Protein backbone atom coordinates (compact mmCIF):
# COMPACT_ATOMS: atom_id res chain seq x y z
CA MET A 1 19.96 217.78 -103.44
CA ASN A 2 20.87 221.04 -102.12
CA MET A 3 18.01 222.25 -99.20
CA ASP A 4 19.70 225.96 -98.78
CA SER A 5 17.78 228.13 -101.06
CA PRO A 6 19.89 230.91 -102.69
CA ASN A 7 16.57 232.58 -103.12
CA THR A 8 16.36 235.29 -100.62
CA THR A 9 13.11 236.95 -102.01
CA SER A 10 10.09 236.09 -99.34
CA ASN A 11 6.79 235.02 -100.29
CA LYS A 12 7.18 233.72 -103.93
CA THR A 13 4.23 232.09 -105.44
CA LYS A 14 4.65 230.21 -108.77
CA GLY A 15 2.84 227.61 -110.88
CA PRO A 16 -0.66 227.45 -112.35
CA ASP A 17 -3.95 228.38 -110.39
CA ALA A 18 -5.65 225.08 -111.89
CA ALA A 19 -6.69 223.59 -108.77
CA GLY A 20 -7.18 227.26 -107.23
CA GLY A 21 -3.85 228.14 -105.96
CA LYS A 22 0.02 228.35 -106.46
CA ILE A 23 3.07 227.34 -104.76
CA ALA A 24 4.09 229.52 -102.12
CA THR A 25 7.25 229.92 -100.27
CA ALA A 26 8.50 232.21 -97.71
CA PHE A 27 12.26 232.92 -96.79
CA ILE A 28 12.91 233.83 -93.13
CA ALA A 29 15.94 236.27 -94.68
CA ASP A 30 13.32 238.64 -96.06
CA PRO A 31 10.19 238.25 -93.76
CA VAL A 32 7.07 239.93 -95.10
CA MET A 33 5.84 241.47 -91.68
CA VAL A 34 1.95 242.47 -91.72
CA PRO A 35 -0.53 244.16 -89.48
CA GLY A 36 -2.88 241.78 -86.95
CA ARG A 37 -5.40 241.62 -84.54
CA ARG A 38 -3.18 243.04 -81.51
CA ASP A 39 -0.97 245.66 -81.87
CA PHE A 40 1.60 243.98 -79.35
CA LEU A 41 2.27 240.96 -81.39
CA LYS A 42 4.70 240.92 -84.57
CA TYR A 43 2.95 238.87 -87.60
CA ARG A 44 4.87 237.32 -90.29
CA GLU A 45 2.86 236.60 -93.53
CA LEU A 46 3.93 232.89 -95.04
CA GLY A 47 2.24 233.83 -98.70
CA VAL A 48 -0.30 231.11 -98.27
CA THR A 49 -3.34 233.84 -98.37
CA LYS A 50 -2.21 234.72 -101.98
CA ALA A 51 -1.23 231.50 -103.08
CA SER A 52 -4.57 230.05 -101.89
CA ASN A 53 -6.64 232.84 -103.46
CA GLY A 54 -7.78 233.86 -99.55
CA ARG A 55 -8.87 230.31 -99.02
CA ILE A 56 -6.39 229.52 -96.23
CA ARG A 57 -3.69 232.15 -94.04
CA ALA A 58 -0.67 231.04 -92.35
CA GLN A 59 1.56 233.23 -90.21
CA VAL A 60 3.98 233.03 -87.78
CA THR A 61 3.25 235.28 -84.80
CA SER A 62 5.81 236.53 -82.07
CA ALA A 63 5.82 238.19 -78.81
CA SER A 64 8.85 239.69 -76.83
CA GLN A 65 6.77 240.25 -73.91
CA GLY A 66 3.99 238.35 -72.26
CA LEU A 67 0.35 239.23 -72.03
CA SER A 68 -0.28 242.27 -69.78
CA GLU A 69 -4.18 241.54 -69.56
CA GLU A 70 -6.45 239.22 -70.89
CA THR A 71 -7.47 239.88 -74.35
CA GLY A 72 -11.17 239.32 -73.50
CA TRP A 73 -13.61 236.91 -74.54
CA HIS A 74 -14.43 236.88 -78.34
CA ILE A 75 -15.24 234.41 -81.19
CA HIS A 76 -13.66 234.46 -84.68
CA PHE A 77 -15.72 234.12 -87.84
CA CYS A 78 -13.99 231.52 -89.64
CA GLU A 79 -14.31 227.66 -90.40
CA GLY A 80 -11.50 226.82 -88.10
CA GLN A 81 -8.17 228.23 -86.51
CA PHE A 82 -5.16 225.83 -85.58
CA VAL A 83 -2.16 227.07 -83.58
CA TYR A 84 1.08 225.16 -83.40
CA MET A 85 3.60 226.53 -80.71
CA LEU A 86 7.23 227.09 -81.76
CA SER A 87 8.43 228.33 -78.19
CA GLY A 88 6.85 229.63 -74.99
CA TRP A 89 3.06 229.15 -74.07
CA VAL A 90 -0.14 230.62 -74.03
CA ASP A 91 -2.97 229.93 -71.66
CA LEU A 92 -6.83 229.94 -73.14
CA GLU A 93 -10.16 229.73 -71.47
CA PHE A 94 -13.14 228.02 -73.02
CA ALA A 95 -16.62 227.44 -71.99
CA GLY A 96 -17.26 225.85 -68.64
CA GLY A 97 -14.09 226.96 -67.11
CA GLU A 98 -11.83 224.74 -69.39
CA LYS A 99 -8.37 226.20 -69.05
CA ILE A 100 -5.57 224.92 -71.57
CA ARG A 101 -1.89 225.78 -71.83
CA ILE A 102 -0.07 224.92 -74.91
CA GLY A 103 3.26 225.30 -74.92
CA ALA A 104 6.36 224.28 -77.45
CA GLY A 105 5.60 221.58 -79.36
CA ASP A 106 1.62 221.54 -78.51
CA SER A 107 -1.10 222.40 -81.10
CA MET A 108 -4.68 223.14 -80.72
CA TYR A 109 -7.49 223.53 -83.38
CA ILE A 110 -10.47 225.97 -82.51
CA PRO A 111 -13.62 225.75 -84.43
CA GLY A 112 -14.98 228.86 -85.65
CA GLY A 113 -17.52 230.32 -83.68
CA THR A 114 -15.87 229.04 -80.40
CA PRO A 115 -15.76 231.72 -77.56
CA HIS A 116 -12.45 232.06 -76.02
CA ASN A 117 -10.10 234.19 -74.16
CA GLU A 118 -6.52 234.24 -73.88
CA THR A 119 -5.78 234.81 -70.22
CA ALA A 120 -1.89 234.60 -70.12
CA THR A 121 1.59 234.03 -72.11
CA SER A 122 5.15 233.40 -71.56
CA ASP A 123 7.44 236.47 -71.67
CA GLY A 124 7.98 235.52 -75.46
CA PHE A 125 6.52 233.05 -77.70
CA GLU A 126 6.42 232.24 -81.44
CA LEU A 127 3.60 230.18 -82.84
CA ILE A 128 2.12 229.23 -86.54
CA GLU A 129 -1.43 230.06 -86.87
CA VAL A 130 -3.42 228.92 -89.74
CA SER A 131 -7.12 229.76 -90.50
CA VAL A 132 -9.66 228.94 -92.99
CA PRO A 133 -10.42 231.17 -94.79
CA ALA A 134 -7.70 233.67 -94.74
CA ASP A 135 -10.01 236.64 -93.86
CA MET A 136 -10.96 235.82 -90.06
CA GLY A 137 -12.96 238.21 -88.67
CA THR A 138 -12.98 238.86 -84.68
CA GLU A 139 -15.66 240.02 -82.56
CA PRO A 140 -15.87 240.44 -78.69
CA CYS A 141 -18.54 238.43 -77.05
CA GLU A 142 -19.96 237.46 -73.70
CA ALA A 143 -18.27 235.05 -71.30
CA PRO A 144 -20.01 231.42 -71.78
CA ASP A 145 -21.65 229.55 -68.78
């Protein structure tokens, strides 16, 4: 089977919606860039939001410069958020002073409503982020004890 796709159109969806979704394909040759939570990051939509009828969102997030200041404590209104680091690293802080650095090849699952703060990043990074549901609200919160 030839794995090279002659298709150059991004975020194709096809097939029946019998189980509440369709097959989605995103091609790097024609990326679909979308706005995101932070202006200094780039967000590439992978077509999963539309294909899953909003049940799941999958995006590639990238940065060409490091975080200049902490994002501040916040929570997300979702069931959960999964992050897989493709390159670089991100430092996160959680309740009780727990600090975790995830780097290339590392992953993290953050349950919805969990207060956290991104405190630093490498000069450049790329990650895959998946959230359930796709529409994940964000709200600032007080730093936990």
